[in-house]
Protein backbone atom coordinates (compact mmCIF):
# COMPACT_ATOMS: atom_id res chain seq x y z
CA MET A 1 2.22 4.72 -5.98
CA PHE A 2 -0.37 5.77 -3.56
CA VAL A 3 -2.13 2.89 -3.16
CA LEU A 4 0.95 0.51 -3.06
CA SER A 5 1.94 2.77 -0.08
CA ALA A 6 -1.29 2.65 1.60
CA SER A 7 -1.05 -1.22 1.43
CA LEU A 8 2.90 -1.35 2.74
CA MET A 9 1.43 0.62 5.52
CA LEU A 10 -1.56 -1.91 6.28
CA VAL A 11 0.80 -4.72 6.16
CA SER A 12 3.40 -2.74 8.47
CA THR A 13 0.55 -2.90 11.05
CA GLU A 14 0.51 -6.91 10.98
CA GLN A 15 3.86 -6.97 10.84
CA LEU A 16 4.75 -4.91 14.31
CA PRO A 17 2.48 -6.54 16.84
CA SER A 18 5.05 -9.89 15.65
CA SER A 19 8.10 -7.70 16.38
CA ARG A 20 6.80 -6.73 19.84
CA GLY A 21 9.45 -6.99 22.51
CA MET A 22 12.45 -7.05 20.03
CA GLY A 23 13.95 -3.83 21.40
CA THR A 24 13.46 -0.18 20.36
CA GLY A 25 14.84 0.69 16.80
CA TRP A 26 12.66 -2.08 15.42
CA VAL A 27 11.65 -1.22 11.85
CA VAL A 28 9.08 -3.96 9.89
CA PRO A 29 10.42 -4.67 6.07
CA ALA A 30 7.26 -3.34 4.85
CA THR A 31 8.12 -0.04 6.59
CA THR A 32 11.55 -0.32 4.92
CA ILE A 33 10.42 -1.13 1.28
CA ASN A 34 7.87 2.00 1.37
CA SER A 35 10.84 4.63 2.38
CA LEU A 36 12.93 2.87 -0.18
CA ILE A 37 10.66 2.87 -3.18
CA ASN A 38 9.23 6.63 -2.42
CA GLY A 39 12.33 8.37 -1.68
CA PRO A 40 12.12 11.64 -0.35
CA GLY A 41 8.57 12.13 -0.53
CA TYR A 42 8.04 9.48 2.58
CA TYR A 43 10.08 11.65 4.67
CA VAL A 44 8.91 15.46 3.58
CA THR A 45 5.27 15.71 5.11
CA ALA A 46 6.20 12.97 7.96
CA PHE A 47 5.84 15.40 11.02
CA GLY A 48 3.18 17.79 9.06
CA PRO A 49 -0.29 18.06 10.07
CA THR A 50 -2.42 15.45 8.78
CA LEU A 51 -5.46 16.16 6.77
CA ILE A 52 -7.21 12.22 7.11
CA PRO A 53 -9.20 11.19 9.93
CA HIS A 54 -8.15 9.89 13.31
CA SER A 55 -9.36 6.18 12.67
CA LEU A 56 -7.80 6.04 9.37
CA ASN A 57 -4.38 7.19 10.21
CA GLU A 58 -4.46 5.30 13.25
CA ARG A 59 -5.27 1.82 10.96
CA LEU A 60 -2.18 3.46 9.01
CA SER A 61 -0.22 3.08 12.16
CA TYR A 62 0.10 6.92 12.28
CA GLU A 63 1.96 7.22 9.21
CA GLY A 64 -1.37 8.51 7.17
CA GLY A 65 0.60 12.09 7.17
CA ARG A 66 3.16 10.52 4.87
CA LEU A 67 0.78 9.73 1.33
CA PHE A 68 0.62 13.60 0.80
CA GLY A 69 4.59 13.59 0.10
CA ILE A 70 4.11 10.31 -1.47
CA ALA A 71 1.56 11.71 -3.75
CA VAL A 72 3.58 15.00 -4.62
CA PHE A 73 6.73 13.27 -4.92
CA TRP A 74 5.62 10.71 -7.80
CA PHE A 75 3.56 13.70 -9.21
CA PHE A 76 6.68 15.79 -9.94
CA VAL A 77 8.27 12.52 -11.32
CA GLY A 78 5.80 11.98 -13.66
CA LEU A 79 5.64 15.55 -14.66
CA SER A 80 9.34 15.43 -15.71
CA ILE A 81 9.07 12.57 -17.70
CA ASP A 82 6.24 13.84 -20.06
CA ARG A 83 8.04 17.10 -20.14
CA ARG A 84 11.07 14.82 -21.38
CA ARG A 85 9.09 13.00 -23.64
CA ASN A 86 7.48 16.52 -25.22
CA GLY A 87 10.96 17.89 -25.58
CA GLN A 88 10.46 20.20 -23.31
CA SER A 89 13.27 21.13 -20.40
CA LEU A 90 13.31 20.61 -17.21
CA GLY A 91 14.32 24.35 -15.68
CA GLN A 92 16.98 25.45 -17.30
CA ARG A 93 15.92 29.18 -16.50
CA HIS A 94 14.96 28.51 -13.30
CA PRO A 95 17.24 25.48 -11.83
CA ILE A 96 17.37 26.10 -8.42
CA PRO A 97 13.31 25.77 -7.99
CA THR A 98 13.83 22.68 -10.24
CA GLY A 99 16.06 21.00 -8.29
CA VAL A 100 14.22 21.83 -5.00
């Protein structure tokens, strides 16, 4: 998903010039798809500090900071699937941290 998200960010930079002059609030389809696929991971680290170089972040249309949240989100999805497959609970002793 990390690679797919980065690819969608690159596609959105290609789609963005074609939507210039269409007014404010225009969101290209690649950005919409990226946000729908990655759920909360797309929005969690959008405003935090970015640990990637400025040139790469610029190439990703300044959305490179979102990649960390996307990776963490899908890590936890995979972890929960692995725990359920092994017969472990998903956090019945500590339901609030599990929900967060």
